[in-house]
Every structure is written in structure tokens, then in C-alpha cells.
Protein backbone atom coordinates (compact mmCIF):
# COMPACT_ATOMS: atom_id res chain seq x y z
CA GLN A 1 41.47 24.10 139.26
CA ALA A 2 41.00 22.76 135.75
CA VAL A 3 39.80 26.12 134.43
CA ALA A 4 42.66 27.98 136.10
CA ALA A 5 45.18 25.48 134.71
CA HIS A 6 43.61 25.88 131.26
CA GLU A 7 44.07 29.65 131.39
CA ILE A 8 47.66 29.21 132.59
CA GLY A 9 48.16 27.09 129.48
CA HIS A 10 47.30 30.13 127.35
CA LYS A 11 49.78 32.26 129.31
CA LEU A 12 52.49 29.64 128.85
CA THR A 13 51.81 29.62 125.11
CA ALA A 14 52.31 33.40 125.04
CA ASP A 15 55.57 32.97 126.96
CA VAL A 16 56.75 30.37 124.45
CA ALA A 17 55.83 32.67 121.57
CA THR A 18 58.21 35.27 123.03
CA LYS A 19 60.95 32.64 123.37
CA MET A 20 60.40 31.76 119.70
CA GLY A 21 60.87 35.38 118.71
CA LEU A 22 57.18 35.84 117.94
CA PRO A 23 54.92 38.51 119.44
CA SER A 24 53.34 37.26 122.68
CA THR A 25 49.99 37.84 120.97
CA ASP A 26 50.79 35.26 118.27
CA LEU A 27 49.33 32.35 120.17
CA ASP A 28 48.32 30.60 116.95
CA GLY A 29 51.84 30.70 115.49
CA ALA A 30 53.47 29.43 118.66
CA ALA A 31 50.74 26.86 119.29
CA THR A 32 51.02 25.43 115.80
CA ARG A 33 54.75 24.91 116.23
CA ILE A 34 54.34 23.38 119.71
CA VAL A 35 51.56 20.97 118.76
CA THR A 36 53.25 19.93 115.51
CA GLU A 37 56.45 19.15 117.37
CA ALA A 38 54.60 17.25 120.10
CA ARG A 39 52.67 15.20 117.53
CA LYS A 40 55.93 13.77 116.23
CA SER A 41 56.45 11.97 119.54
CA THR A 42 52.99 10.38 119.46
CA LYS A 43 51.41 7.75 117.23
CA HIS A 44 49.04 10.26 115.64
CA ARG A 45 49.18 11.17 111.97
CA GLY A 46 47.73 14.63 112.49
CA VAL A 47 47.34 17.25 115.15
CA VAL A 48 43.53 17.09 115.11
CA GLN A 49 43.63 13.38 115.88
CA MET A 50 46.06 14.08 118.71
CA ALA A 51 43.92 16.92 120.06
CA LYS A 52 40.83 14.71 119.98
CA ALA A 53 42.61 12.28 122.30
CA ILE A 54 42.99 15.13 124.82
CA SER A 55 39.44 16.50 124.76
CA GLY A 56 36.71 17.62 122.40
CA TYR A 57 37.47 21.24 123.20
CA ALA A 58 41.15 20.74 122.32
CA THR A 59 40.11 20.29 118.68
CA HIS A 60 38.94 23.93 118.43
CA SER A 61 42.48 25.23 117.82
CA ASN A 62 46.10 24.43 118.57
CA ALA A 63 46.07 27.04 121.34
CA GLU A 64 43.12 25.27 122.97
CA ALA A 65 44.89 21.92 122.60
CA ILE A 66 47.81 23.32 124.60
CA ALA A 67 45.57 24.82 127.26
CA GLU A 68 43.65 21.55 127.61
CA ALA A 69 46.92 19.60 127.76
CA VAL A 70 48.28 21.83 130.53
CA SER A 71 45.03 21.40 132.44
CA ASP A 72 45.16 17.61 132.01
CA VAL A 73 48.75 17.39 133.22
CA TYR A 74 48.16 19.77 136.14
CA CYS A 75 45.01 17.99 137.30
CA ASN A 76 45.99 14.39 136.56
CA GLY A 77 49.77 14.32 136.88
CA LYS A 78 51.26 11.02 135.76
CA SER A 79 47.78 9.79 134.83
CA ALA A 80 47.43 12.53 132.20
CA ARG A 81 47.06 11.42 128.60
CA ALA A 82 50.29 10.76 126.72
CA GLU A 83 49.31 13.42 124.18
CA SER A 84 48.98 16.03 126.94
CA ARG A 85 52.32 15.05 128.41
CA ALA A 86 53.94 15.34 124.96
CA ILE A 87 52.62 18.88 124.51
CA VAL A 88 53.64 19.99 127.99
CA SER A 89 57.09 18.52 127.40
CA VAL A 90 57.54 20.71 124.30
CA VAL A 91 56.24 23.77 126.18
CA ASN A 92 58.73 23.10 128.98
CA LYS A 93 61.56 22.66 126.48
CA TYR A 94 60.93 26.12 125.05
CA LEU A 95 60.50 27.73 128.46
CA LYS A 96 63.85 26.30 129.54
CA GLY A 97 65.53 27.85 126.50
CA GLY A 98 65.27 25.05 123.96
CA LYS A 99 64.86 25.79 120.27
């Protein structure tokens, strides 16, 4: 389940890229905007520090941070890390039409 949720996280990032007016292949551009916005609602000074709180693999790229966050929220629900919930909240905002 965790691996499937992780891969869904990549698909959601592509969907958000489209909502942002970016090509669906621009995962890095969309992911950078998502993670930067989510970081503002956490206590972290930087996105790498925030990603590290999610998982070691989340530090590989912003796109991986989103995928790991989606997996964390899907698998752990309300027990998911606050950083993961912040990222998923931003993803959901964009998917619901937010700018």
C-alpha cells in the first residue's frame, strides 16, 4: 500500500502541475512550489529540513517529498507527520482549484 500511495503522489503532482498551468511532465516545477508553500505552515526553515522529517527518501527531491508525504498520510491518516499533512493540504488545495 505504501508503494502504491507513493506512486499516486507522483500522479497527483502531475495533476497539480496542470492546474498550475505547467506541463504535466514538469514535476520538479510543481513540486517546488507545493513544498515551498507547505513549508511556510511548518516550523522548518528550509524544505530539506522539512523533507527529512518525513523520511530519508523524501530528501532526494521535492517530487519525492510529495510522494512520501502522500504515502504517509494515506497509510497513517491522522497519525501522519505534520509535515506530510501540510504537503497534502497544499496538493488538495490545488486539486480543488486553489491558486
